PDB file of all heavy atoms in Angstrom:
ATOM      1  N   ARG A   1      13.972  38.887 -74.271  1.00  0.00           N
ATOM      2  CA  ARG A   1      13.923  37.487 -74.645  1.00  0.00           C
ATOM      3  C   ARG A   1      12.902  37.373 -75.822  1.00  0.00           C
ATOM      4  O   ARG A   1      13.048  36.703 -76.889  1.00  0.00           O
ATOM      5  CB  ARG A   1      13.587  36.679 -73.491  1.00  0.00           C
ATOM      6  CG  ARG A   1      13.494  35.118 -73.734  1.00  0.00           C
ATOM      7  CD  ARG A   1      13.087  34.401 -72.444  1.00  0.00           C
ATOM      8  NE  ARG A   1      14.195  34.386 -71.508  1.00  0.00           N
ATOM      9  CZ  ARG A   1      14.205  35.012 -70.377  1.00  0.00           C
ATOM     10  NH1 ARG A   1      13.138  35.740 -70.063  1.00  0.00           N
ATOM     11  NH2 ARG A   1      15.186  35.025 -69.553  1.00  0.00           N
ATOM     12  N   GLU A   2      11.814  38.024 -75.688  1.00  0.00           N
ATOM     13  CA  GLU A   2      10.743  37.921 -76.655  1.00  0.00           C
ATOM     14  C   GLU A   2      11.201  38.526 -78.000  1.00  0.00           C
ATOM     15  O   GLU A   2      10.909  37.925 -79.142  1.00  0.00           O
ATOM     16  CB  GLU A   2       9.486  38.637 -76.248  1.00  0.00           C
ATOM     17  CG  GLU A   2       8.328  38.634 -77.243  1.00  0.00           C
ATOM     18  CD  GLU A   2       7.095  39.376 -76.852  1.00  0.00           C
ATOM     19  OE1 GLU A   2       7.083  39.937 -75.730  1.00  0.00           O
ATOM     20  OE2 GLU A   2       6.137  39.416 -77.681  1.00  0.00           O
ATOM     21  N   ALA A   3      11.888  39.642 -77.963  1.00  0.00           N
ATOM     22  CA  ALA A   3      12.408  40.373 -79.172  1.00  0.00           C
ATOM     23  C   ALA A   3      13.262  39.363 -79.926  1.00  0.00           C
ATOM     24  O   ALA A   3      13.313  39.235 -81.153  1.00  0.00           O
ATOM     25  CB  ALA A   3      13.064  41.622 -78.842  1.00  0.00           C
ATOM     26  N   ALA A   4      14.230  38.796 -79.195  1.00  0.00           N
ATOM     27  CA  ALA A   4      15.274  37.844 -79.757  1.00  0.00           C
ATOM     28  C   ALA A   4      14.516  36.574 -80.483  1.00  0.00           C
ATOM     29  O   ALA A   4      14.831  36.125 -81.588  1.00  0.00           O
ATOM     30  CB  ALA A   4      16.235  37.420 -78.809  1.00  0.00           C
ATOM     31  N   ARG A   5      13.488  36.038 -79.701  1.00  0.00           N
ATOM     32  CA  ARG A   5      12.757  34.948 -80.255  1.00  0.00           C
ATOM     33  C   ARG A   5      11.872  35.272 -81.429  1.00  0.00           C
ATOM     34  O   ARG A   5      11.712  34.525 -82.394  1.00  0.00           O
ATOM     35  CB  ARG A   5      11.854  34.231 -79.132  1.00  0.00           C
ATOM     36  CG  ARG A   5      11.370  32.909 -79.528  1.00  0.00           C
ATOM     37  CD  ARG A   5      10.657  32.238 -78.475  1.00  0.00           C
ATOM     38  NE  ARG A   5      11.524  31.953 -77.178  1.00  0.00           N
ATOM     39  CZ  ARG A   5      12.429  30.924 -77.218  1.00  0.00           C
ATOM     40  NH1 ARG A   5      12.407  30.112 -78.122  1.00  0.00           N
ATOM     41  NH2 ARG A   5      13.054  30.753 -76.089  1.00  0.00           N
ATOM     42  N   ALA A   6      11.360  36.520 -81.472  1.00  0.00           N
ATOM     43  CA  ALA A   6      10.500  36.971 -82.482  1.00  0.00           C
ATOM     44  C   ALA A   6      11.286  37.173 -83.769  1.00  0.00           C
ATOM     45  O   ALA A   6      10.585  37.315 -84.879  1.00  0.00           O
ATOM     46  CB  ALA A   6       9.713  38.172 -82.151  1.00  0.00           C
ATOM     47  N   GLY A   7      12.570  37.333 -83.750  1.00  0.00           N
ATOM     48  CA  GLY A   7      13.284  37.533 -85.025  1.00  0.00           C
ATOM     49  C   GLY A   7      14.030  38.864 -85.213  1.00  0.00           C
ATOM     50  O   GLY A   7      14.534  39.192 -86.204  1.00  0.00           O
ATOM     51  N   ALA A   8      14.212  39.614 -84.067  1.00  0.00           N
ATOM     52  CA  ALA A   8      14.894  40.848 -84.109  1.00  0.00           C
ATOM     53  C   ALA A   8      16.442  40.611 -84.453  1.00  0.00           C
ATOM     54  O   ALA A   8      16.978  39.572 -83.868  1.00  0.00           O
ATOM     55  CB  ALA A   8      14.803  41.698 -83.001  1.00  0.00           C
ATOM     56  N   ASP A   9      16.964  41.450 -85.230  1.00  0.00           N
ATOM     57  CA  ASP A   9      18.390  41.377 -85.507  1.00  0.00           C
ATOM     58  C   ASP A   9      19.264  42.020 -84.304  1.00  0.00           C
ATOM     59  O   ASP A   9      20.344  41.629 -83.990  1.00  0.00           O
ATOM     60  CB  ASP A   9      18.775  42.121 -86.808  1.00  0.00           C
ATOM     61  CG  ASP A   9      18.038  41.585 -88.037  1.00  0.00           C
ATOM     62  OD1 ASP A   9      18.327  40.425 -88.311  1.00  0.00           O
ATOM     63  OD2 ASP A   9      17.221  42.326 -88.680  1.00  0.00           O
ATOM     64  N   ILE A  10      18.679  43.086 -83.750  1.00  0.00           N
ATOM     65  CA  ILE A  10      19.347  43.698 -82.682  1.00  0.00           C
ATOM     66  C   ILE A  10      18.212  43.979 -81.547  1.00  0.00           C
ATOM     67  O   ILE A  10      17.129  44.424 -81.876  1.00  0.00           O
ATOM     68  CB  ILE A  10      19.856  45.072 -83.153  1.00  0.00           C
ATOM     69  CG1 ILE A  10      20.872  44.968 -84.332  1.00  0.00           C
ATOM     70  CG2 ILE A  10      20.658  45.815 -81.904  1.00  0.00           C
ATOM     71  CD1 ILE A  10      21.326  46.303 -85.043  1.00  0.00           C
ATOM     72  N   VAL A  11      18.663  43.778 -80.318  1.00  0.00           N
ATOM     73  CA  VAL A  11      17.754  44.025 -79.246  1.00  0.00           C
ATOM     74  C   VAL A  11      18.193  45.340 -78.574  1.00  0.00           C
ATOM     75  O   VAL A  11      19.465  45.345 -78.053  1.00  0.00           O
ATOM     76  CB  VAL A  11      17.558  42.994 -78.309  1.00  0.00           C
ATOM     77  CG1 VAL A  11      16.665  43.307 -77.126  1.00  0.00           C
ATOM     78  CG2 VAL A  11      17.114  41.681 -79.065  1.00  0.00           C
ATOM     79  N   LEU A  12      17.561  46.405 -78.478  1.00  0.00           N
ATOM     80  CA  LEU A  12      17.929  47.568 -77.752  1.00  0.00           C
ATOM     81  C   LEU A  12      17.619  47.523 -76.340  1.00  0.00           C
ATOM     82  O   LEU A  12      16.414  47.580 -75.928  1.00  0.00           O
ATOM     83  CB  LEU A  12      17.321  48.843 -78.423  1.00  0.00           C
ATOM     84  CG  LEU A  12      17.620  50.177 -77.821  1.00  0.00           C
ATOM     85  CD1 LEU A  12      19.099  50.467 -78.052  1.00  0.00           C
ATOM     86  CD2 LEU A  12      16.718  51.244 -78.540  1.00  0.00           C
ATOM     87  N   LEU A  13      18.567  47.539 -75.433  1.00  0.00           N
ATOM     88  CA  LEU A  13      18.306  47.386 -74.044  1.00  0.00           C
ATOM     89  C   LEU A  13      18.261  48.842 -73.470  1.00  0.00           C
ATOM     90  O   LEU A  13      19.349  49.429 -73.335  1.00  0.00           O
ATOM     91  CB  LEU A  13      19.427  46.501 -73.418  1.00  0.00           C
ATOM     92  CG  LEU A  13      19.669  45.149 -74.091  1.00  0.00           C
ATOM     93  CD1 LEU A  13      20.793  44.409 -73.523  1.00  0.00           C
ATOM     94  CD2 LEU A  13      18.403  44.309 -74.033  1.00  0.00           C
ATOM     95  N   ASP A  14      17.190  49.259 -73.221  1.00  0.00           N
ATOM     96  CA  ASP A  14      16.872  50.687 -72.764  1.00  0.00           C
ATOM     97  C   ASP A  14      16.768  50.866 -71.378  1.00  0.00           C
ATOM     98  O   ASP A  14      16.043  50.190 -70.649  1.00  0.00           O
ATOM     99  CB  ASP A  14      15.595  51.126 -73.424  1.00  0.00           C
ATOM    100  CG  ASP A  14      15.463  52.693 -73.378  1.00  0.00           C
ATOM    101  OD1 ASP A  14      16.444  53.306 -73.693  1.00  0.00           O
ATOM    102  OD2 ASP A  14      14.424  53.153 -73.078  1.00  0.00           O
ATOM    103  N   ASN A  15      17.604  51.836 -70.766  1.00  0.00           N
ATOM    104  CA  ASN A  15      17.540  52.365 -69.483  1.00  0.00           C
ATOM    105  C   ASN A  15      17.664  51.249 -68.403  1.00  0.00           C
ATOM    106  O   ASN A  15      16.994  51.023 -67.445  1.00  0.00           O
ATOM    107  CB  ASN A  15      16.271  53.122 -69.158  1.00  0.00           C
ATOM    108  CG  ASN A  15      16.187  54.409 -69.837  1.00  0.00           C
ATOM    109  OD1 ASN A  15      17.098  55.270 -69.593  1.00  0.00           O
ATOM    110  ND2 ASN A  15      15.370  54.594 -70.621  1.00  0.00           N
ATOM    111  N   MET A  16      18.645  50.292 -68.649  1.00  0.00           N
ATOM    112  CA  MET A  16      18.910  49.277 -67.790  1.00  0.00           C
ATOM    113  C   MET A  16      20.159  49.475 -66.932  1.00  0.00           C
ATOM    114  O   MET A  16      21.096  50.077 -67.441  1.00  0.00           O
ATOM    115  CB  MET A  16      19.152  47.918 -68.511  1.00  0.00           C
ATOM    116  CG  MET A  16      17.789  47.443 -69.180  1.00  0.00           C
ATOM    117  SD  MET A  16      18.062  45.817 -69.988  1.00  0.00           S
ATOM    118  CE  MET A  16      16.364  45.550 -70.742  1.00  0.00           C
ATOM    119  N   SER A  17      20.162  49.014 -65.723  1.00  0.00           N
ATOM    120  CA  SER A  17      21.423  48.994 -64.951  1.00  0.00           C
ATOM    121  C   SER A  17      22.397  47.932 -65.498  1.00  0.00           C
ATOM    122  O   SER A  17      22.064  47.104 -66.259  1.00  0.00           O
ATOM    123  CB  SER A  17      21.121  48.573 -63.393  1.00  0.00           C
ATOM    124  OG  SER A  17      20.625  47.256 -63.471  1.00  0.00           O
ATOM    125  N   ASP A  18      23.647  48.011 -65.072  1.00  0.00           N
ATOM    126  CA  ASP A  18      24.622  46.982 -65.464  1.00  0.00           C
ATOM    127  C   ASP A  18      24.214  45.631 -65.166  1.00  0.00           C
ATOM    128  O   ASP A  18      24.338  44.696 -65.998  1.00  0.00           O
ATOM    129  CB  ASP A  18      26.002  47.314 -64.767  1.00  0.00           C
ATOM    130  CG  ASP A  18      26.582  48.644 -65.316  1.00  0.00           C
ATOM    131  OD1 ASP A  18      25.973  49.192 -66.258  1.00  0.00           O
ATOM    132  OD2 ASP A  18      27.628  48.996 -64.828  1.00  0.00           O
ATOM    133  N   GLU A  19      23.600  45.425 -63.990  1.00  0.00           N
ATOM    134  CA  GLU A  19      23.167  44.003 -63.589  1.00  0.00           C
ATOM    135  C   GLU A  19      22.020  43.571 -64.537  1.00  0.00           C
ATOM    136  O   GLU A  19      22.094  42.349 -65.012  1.00  0.00           O
ATOM    137  CB  GLU A  19      22.746  44.020 -62.200  1.00  0.00           C
ATOM    138  CG  GLU A  19      23.851  44.303 -61.100  1.00  0.00           C
ATOM    139  CD  GLU A  19      24.279  45.721 -61.077  1.00  0.00           C
ATOM    140  OE1 GLU A  19      23.543  46.620 -61.539  1.00  0.00           O
ATOM    141  OE2 GLU A  19      25.421  46.089 -60.568  1.00  0.00           O
ATOM    142  N   MET A  20      21.097  44.456 -64.785  1.00  0.00           N
ATOM    143  CA  MET A  20      19.990  44.110 -65.667  1.00  0.00           C
ATOM    144  C   MET A  20      20.465  43.922 -67.138  1.00  0.00           C
ATOM    145  O   MET A  20      20.001  42.889 -67.840  1.00  0.00           O
ATOM    146  CB  MET A  20      18.967  45.220 -65.596  1.00  0.00           C
ATOM    147  CG  MET A  20      17.616  44.823 -66.244  1.00  0.00           C
ATOM    148  SD  MET A  20      16.440  46.119 -66.005  1.00  0.00           S
ATOM    149  CE  MET A  20      14.952  45.365 -66.846  1.00  0.00           C
ATOM    150  N   LEU A  21      21.472  44.678 -67.560  1.00  0.00           N
ATOM    151  CA  LEU A  21      22.157  44.486 -68.918  1.00  0.00           C
ATOM    152  C   LEU A  21      22.639  43.111 -69.030  1.00  0.00           C
ATOM    153  O   LEU A  21      22.576  42.452 -69.946  1.00  0.00           O
ATOM    154  CB  LEU A  21      23.136  45.620 -69.115  1.00  0.00           C
ATOM    155  CG  LEU A  21      22.697  46.938 -69.545  1.00  0.00           C
ATOM    156  CD1 LEU A  21      23.927  47.866 -69.596  1.00  0.00           C
ATOM    157  CD2 LEU A  21      21.938  46.985 -70.871  1.00  0.00           C
ATOM    158  N   ARG A  22      23.359  42.679 -68.006  1.00  0.00           N
ATOM    159  CA  ARG A  22      24.070  41.325 -68.029  1.00  0.00           C
ATOM    160  C   ARG A  22      23.116  40.248 -68.143  1.00  0.00           C
ATOM    161  O   ARG A  22      23.110  39.305 -68.891  1.00  0.00           O
ATOM    162  CB  ARG A  22      24.908  41.149 -66.665  1.00  0.00           C
ATOM    163  CG  ARG A  22      25.724  39.969 -66.767  1.00  0.00           C
ATOM    164  CD  ARG A  22      26.783  39.893 -65.521  1.00  0.00           C
ATOM    165  NE  ARG A  22      27.674  41.019 -65.534  1.00  0.00           N
ATOM    166  CZ  ARG A  22      27.488  42.079 -64.730  1.00  0.00           C
ATOM    167  NH1 ARG A  22      26.611  42.153 -63.913  1.00  0.00           N
ATOM    168  NH2 ARG A  22      28.503  43.037 -64.780  1.00  0.00           N
ATOM    169  N   ALA A  23      21.953  40.363 -67.394  1.00  0.00           N
ATOM    170  CA  ALA A  23      20.827  39.414 -67.475  1.00  0.00           C
ATOM    171  C   ALA A  23      20.261  39.357 -68.820  1.00  0.00           C
ATOM    172  O   ALA A  23      19.927  38.325 -69.292  1.00  0.00           O
ATOM    173  CB  ALA A  23      19.845  39.546 -66.344  1.00  0.00           C
ATOM    174  N   ALA A  24      19.980  40.579 -69.340  1.00  0.00           N
ATOM    175  CA  ALA A  24      19.298  40.566 -70.645  1.00  0.00           C
ATOM    176  C   ALA A  24      20.222  40.076 -71.806  1.00  0.00           C
ATOM    177  O   ALA A  24      19.766  39.446 -72.657  1.00  0.00           O
ATOM    178  CB  ALA A  24      18.902  42.105 -70.983  1.00  0.00           C
ATOM    179  N   VAL A  25      21.590  40.390 -71.731  1.00  0.00           N
ATOM    180  CA  VAL A  25      22.504  39.843 -72.687  1.00  0.00           C
ATOM    181  C   VAL A  25      22.492  38.331 -72.690  1.00  0.00           C
ATOM    182  O   VAL A  25      22.472  37.575 -73.644  1.00  0.00           O
ATOM    183  CB  VAL A  25      23.879  40.443 -72.466  1.00  0.00           C
ATOM    184  CG1 VAL A  25      24.928  39.717 -73.266  1.00  0.00           C
ATOM    185  CG2 VAL A  25      23.971  41.896 -72.908  1.00  0.00           C
ATOM    186  N   ASP A  26      22.545  37.771 -71.396  1.00  0.00           N
ATOM    187  CA  ASP A  26      22.513  36.297 -71.201  1.00  0.00           C
ATOM    188  C   ASP A  26      21.284  35.664 -71.868  1.00  0.00           C
ATOM    189  O   ASP A  26      21.414  34.670 -72.592  1.00  0.00           O
ATOM    190  CB  ASP A  26      22.736  35.999 -69.748  1.00  0.00           C
ATOM    191  CG  ASP A  26      24.140  36.248 -69.217  1.00  0.00           C
ATOM    192  OD1 ASP A  26      25.017  36.430 -70.003  1.00  0.00           O
ATOM    193  OD2 ASP A  26      24.165  36.304 -67.983  1.00  0.00           O
ATOM    194  N   ALA A  27      20.176  36.366 -71.686  1.00  0.00           N
ATOM    195  CA  ALA A  27      18.832  35.875 -72.176  1.00  0.00           C
ATOM    196  C   ALA A  27      18.834  35.861 -73.714  1.00  0.00           C
ATOM    197  O   ALA A  27      18.406  34.930 -74.396  1.00  0.00           O
ATOM    198  CB  ALA A  27      17.723  36.676 -71.672  1.00  0.00           C
ATOM    199  N   VAL A  28      19.363  36.982 -74.275  1.00  0.00           N
ATOM    200  CA  VAL A  28      19.304  37.097 -75.755  1.00  0.00           C
ATOM    201  C   VAL A  28      20.313  36.061 -76.355  1.00  0.00           C
ATOM    202  O   VAL A  28      19.948  35.397 -77.357  1.00  0.00           O
ATOM    203  CB  VAL A  28      19.795  38.523 -76.088  1.00  0.00           C
ATOM    204  CG1 VAL A  28      20.035  38.627 -77.675  1.00  0.00           C
ATOM    205  CG2 VAL A  28      18.689  39.555 -75.726  1.00  0.00           C
ATOM    206  N   ARG A  29      21.494  35.892 -75.807  1.00  0.00           N
ATOM    207  CA  ARG A  29      22.391  34.931 -76.287  1.00  0.00           C
ATOM    208  C   ARG A  29      21.898  33.559 -76.242  1.00  0.00           C
ATOM    209  O   ARG A  29      22.024  32.622 -77.020  1.00  0.00           O
ATOM    210  CB  ARG A  29      23.715  35.148 -75.495  1.00  0.00           C
ATOM    211  CG  ARG A  29      24.514  36.326 -75.868  1.00  0.00           C
ATOM    212  CD  ARG A  29      25.801  36.401 -75.213  1.00  0.00           C
ATOM    213  NE  ARG A  29      26.518  37.589 -75.715  1.00  0.00           N
ATOM    214  CZ  ARG A  29      27.664  38.062 -75.185  1.00  0.00           C
ATOM    215  NH1 ARG A  29      28.232  37.460 -74.050  1.00  0.00           N
ATOM    216  NH2 ARG A  29      28.263  39.197 -75.643  1.00  0.00           N
ATOM    217  N   GLU A  30      21.156  33.225 -75.124  1.00  0.00           N
ATOM    218  CA  GLU A  30      20.588  31.898 -75.030  1.00  0.00           C
ATOM    219  C   GLU A  30      19.501  31.622 -76.106  1.00  0.00           C
ATOM    220  O   GLU A  30      19.536  30.628 -76.696  1.00  0.00           O
ATOM    221  CB  GLU A  30      19.858  31.773 -73.631  1.00  0.00           C
ATOM    222  CG  GLU A  30      19.234  30.377 -73.455  1.00  0.00           C
ATOM    223  CD  GLU A  30      18.528  30.331 -72.138  1.00  0.00           C
ATOM    224  OE1 GLU A  30      18.588  31.338 -71.235  1.00  0.00           O
ATOM    225  OE2 GLU A  30      17.793  29.394 -71.827  1.00  0.00           O
ATOM    226  N   ILE A  31      18.656  32.615 -76.346  1.00  0.00           N
ATOM    227  CA  ILE A  31      17.787  32.545 -77.443  1.00  0.00           C
ATOM    228  C   ILE A  31      18.365  32.370 -78.829  1.00  0.00           C
ATOM    229  O   ILE A  31      18.070  31.608 -79.655  1.00  0.00           O
ATOM    230  CB  ILE A  31      16.824  33.685 -77.472  1.00  0.00           C
ATOM    231  CG1 ILE A  31      15.925  33.800 -76.237  1.00  0.00           C
ATOM    232  CG2 ILE A  31      15.797  33.667 -78.707  1.00  0.00           C
ATOM    233  CD1 ILE A  31      15.116  32.561 -75.914  1.00  0.00           C
ATOM    234  N   ALA A  32      19.510  33.243 -79.000  1.00  0.00           N
ATOM    235  CA  ALA A  32      20.277  33.130 -80.305  1.00  0.00           C
ATOM    236  C   ALA A  32      20.752  31.782 -80.578  1.00  0.00           C
ATOM    237  O   ALA A  32      20.842  31.254 -81.618  1.00  0.00           O
ATOM    238  CB  ALA A  32      21.337  34.145 -80.246  1.00  0.00           C
ATOM    239  N   ARG A  33      21.318  31.145 -79.486  1.00  0.00           N
ATOM    240  CA  ARG A  33      21.896  29.750 -79.654  1.00  0.00           C
ATOM    241  C   ARG A  33      20.735  28.829 -80.042  1.00  0.00           C
ATOM    242  O   ARG A  33      20.870  27.865 -80.788  1.00  0.00           O
ATOM    243  CB  ARG A  33      22.608  29.312 -78.409  1.00  0.00           C
ATOM    244  CG  ARG A  33      23.928  29.999 -78.129  1.00  0.00           C
ATOM    245  CD  ARG A  33      24.670  29.262 -77.039  1.00  0.00           C
ATOM    246  NE  ARG A  33      23.943  29.428 -75.834  1.00  0.00           N
ATOM    247  CZ  ARG A  33      24.260  30.425 -74.917  1.00  0.00           C
ATOM    248  NH1 ARG A  33      25.098  31.274 -75.195  1.00  0.00           N
ATOM    249  NH2 ARG A  33      23.589  30.435 -73.695  1.00  0.00           N
ATOM    250  N   GLU A  34      19.577  29.011 -79.333  1.00  0.00           N
ATOM    251  CA  GLU A  34      18.458  28.060 -79.680  1.00  0.00           C
ATOM    252  C   GLU A  34      17.924  28.117 -81.082  1.00  0.00           C
ATOM    253  O   GLU A  34      17.690  27.156 -81.708  1.00  0.00           O
ATOM    254  CB  GLU A  34      17.260  28.486 -78.690  1.00  0.00           C
ATOM    255  CG  GLU A  34      17.435  28.062 -77.264  1.00  0.00           C
ATOM    256  CD  GLU A  34      16.207  28.442 -76.372  1.00  0.00           C
ATOM    257  OE1 GLU A  34      15.250  28.761 -76.961  1.00  0.00           O
ATOM    258  OE2 GLU A  34      16.368  28.367 -75.075  1.00  0.00           O
ATOM    259  N   VAL A  35      17.867  29.383 -81.681  1.00  0.00           N
ATOM    260  CA  VAL A  35      17.322  29.552 -82.950  1.00  0.00           C
ATOM    261  C   VAL A  35      18.392  29.488 -84.004  1.00  0.00           C
ATOM    262  O   VAL A  35      18.140  29.529 -85.240  1.00  0.00           O
ATOM    263  CB  VAL A  35      16.624  30.987 -83.066  1.00  0.00           C
ATOM    264  CG1 VAL A  35      15.448  30.871 -82.018  1.00  0.00           C
ATOM    265  CG2 VAL A  35      17.518  32.127 -82.762  1.00  0.00           C
ATOM    266  N   GLY A  36      19.738  29.539 -83.659  1.00  0.00           N
ATOM    267  CA  GLY A  36      20.768  29.304 -84.547  1.00  0.00           C
ATOM    268  C   GLY A  36      21.082  30.560 -85.414  1.00  0.00           C
ATOM    269  O   GLY A  36      21.313  30.353 -86.612  1.00  0.00           O
ATOM    270  N   ARG A  37      20.953  31.719 -84.898  1.00  0.00           N
ATOM    271  CA  ARG A  37      21.388  32.946 -85.671  1.00  0.00           C
ATOM    272  C   ARG A  37      22.015  33.952 -84.656  1.00  0.00           C
ATOM    273  O   ARG A  37      21.796  33.898 -83.416  1.00  0.00           O
ATOM    274  CB  ARG A  37      20.107  33.468 -86.362  1.00  0.00           C
ATOM    275  CG  ARG A  37      18.944  33.890 -85.425  1.00  0.00           C
ATOM    276  CD  ARG A  37      17.946  34.369 -86.276  1.00  0.00           C
ATOM    277  NE  ARG A  37      16.793  34.825 -85.467  1.00  0.00           N
ATOM    278  CZ  ARG A  37      16.688  36.046 -84.807  1.00  0.00           C
ATOM    279  NH1 ARG A  37      17.644  36.939 -84.963  1.00  0.00           N
ATOM    280  NH2 ARG A  37      15.610  36.345 -84.058  1.00  0.00           N
ATOM    281  N   THR A  38      22.561  34.954 -85.231  1.00  0.00           N
ATOM    282  CA  THR A  38      23.209  36.071 -84.345  1.00  0.00           C
ATOM    283  C   THR A  38      22.176  37.136 -84.156  1.00  0.00           C
ATOM    284  O   THR A  38      21.364  37.536 -84.938  1.00  0.00           O
ATOM    285  CB  THR A  38      24.418  36.624 -85.196  1.00  0.00           C
ATOM    286  OG1 THR A  38      25.333  35.657 -85.452  1.00  0.00           O
ATOM    287  CG2 THR A  38      24.963  37.758 -84.422  1.00  0.00           C
ATOM    288  N   VAL A  39      22.106  37.464 -82.781  1.00  0.00           N
ATOM    289  CA  VAL A  39      21.289  38.683 -82.282  1.00  0.00           C
ATOM    290  C   VAL A  39      22.126  39.448 -81.512  1.00  0.00           C
ATOM    291  O   VAL A  39      22.733  39.069 -80.446  1.00  0.00           O
ATOM    292  CB  VAL A  39      20.061  38.112 -81.466  1.00  0.00           C
ATOM    293  CG1 VAL A  39      19.251  39.323 -81.098  1.00  0.00           C
ATOM    294  CG2 VAL A  39      19.300  37.001 -82.242  1.00  0.00           C
ATOM    295  N   LEU A  40      22.318  40.717 -82.035  1.00  0.00           N
ATOM    296  CA  LEU A  40      23.216  41.712 -81.186  1.00  0.00           C
ATOM    297  C   LEU A  40      22.445  42.463 -80.159  1.00  0.00           C
ATOM    298  O   LEU A  40      21.187  42.545 -80.219  1.00  0.00           O
ATOM    299  CB  LEU A  40      23.810  42.746 -82.274  1.00  0.00           C
ATOM    300  CG  LEU A  40      24.687  42.197 -83.368  1.00  0.00           C
ATOM    301  CD1 LEU A  40      25.008  43.390 -84.302  1.00  0.00           C
ATOM    302  CD2 LEU A  40      25.865  41.486 -82.921  1.00  0.00           C
ATOM    303  N   THR A  41      23.136  42.938 -79.215  1.00  0.00           N
ATOM    304  CA  THR A  41      22.607  43.684 -78.170  1.00  0.00           C
ATOM    305  C   THR A  41      23.148  45.135 -78.132  1.00  0.00           C
ATOM    306  O   THR A  41      24.310  45.239 -78.495  1.00  0.00           O
ATOM    307  CB  THR A  41      22.816  43.105 -76.741  1.00  0.00           C
ATOM    308  OG1 THR A  41      24.120  42.849 -76.569  1.00  0.00           O
ATOM    309  CG2 THR A  41      22.107  41.659 -76.658  1.00  0.00           C
ATOM    310  N   GLU A  42      22.336  46.093 -77.827  1.00  0.00           N
ATOM    311  CA  GLU A  42      22.723  47.429 -77.734  1.00  0.00           C
ATOM    312  C   GLU A  42      22.130  48.129 -76.554  1.00  0.00           C
ATOM    313  O   GLU A  42      21.041  48.045 -76.269  1.00  0.00           O
ATOM    314  CB  GLU A  42      22.137  48.207 -79.041  1.00  0.00           C
ATOM    315  CG  GLU A  42      22.495  49.742 -79.093  1.00  0.00           C
ATOM    316  CD  GLU A  42      21.944  50.335 -80.326  1.00  0.00           C
ATOM    317  OE1 GLU A  42      21.854  49.676 -81.360  1.00  0.00           O
ATOM    318  OE2 GLU A  42      21.496  51.571 -80.201  1.00  0.00           O
ATOM    319  N   ALA A  43      23.070  48.819 -75.821  1.00  0.00           N
ATOM    320  CA  ALA A  43      22.622  49.521 -74.596  1.00  0.00           C
ATOM    321  C   ALA A  43      22.377  50.986 -75.000  1.00  0.00           C
ATOM    322  O   ALA A  43      23.084  51.601 -75.748  1.00  0.00           O
ATOM    323  CB  ALA A  43      23.622  49.387 -73.559  1.00  0.00           C
ATOM    324  N   SER A  44      21.293  51.580 -74.344  1.00  0.00           N
ATOM    325  CA  SER A  44      21.023  53.051 -74.620  1.00  0.00           C
ATOM    326  C   SER A  44      20.280  53.554 -73.581  1.00  0.00           C
ATOM    327  O   SER A  44      19.568  52.786 -72.785  1.00  0.00           O
ATOM    328  CB  SER A  44      20.217  53.248 -75.958  1.00  0.00           C
ATOM    329  OG  SER A  44      20.055  54.588 -76.341  1.00  0.00           O
TER     330      SER A  44
END
């Protein structure tokens, strides 16, 4: 959430379970809607 709000173009979701990935993606998308720009997510 902090990375998306700070202005990252991509947020790298590192070593997360599928459940945690889903929560992180939802959080990033929520911030992206608030700031009005696209923020991609990447799992690794």
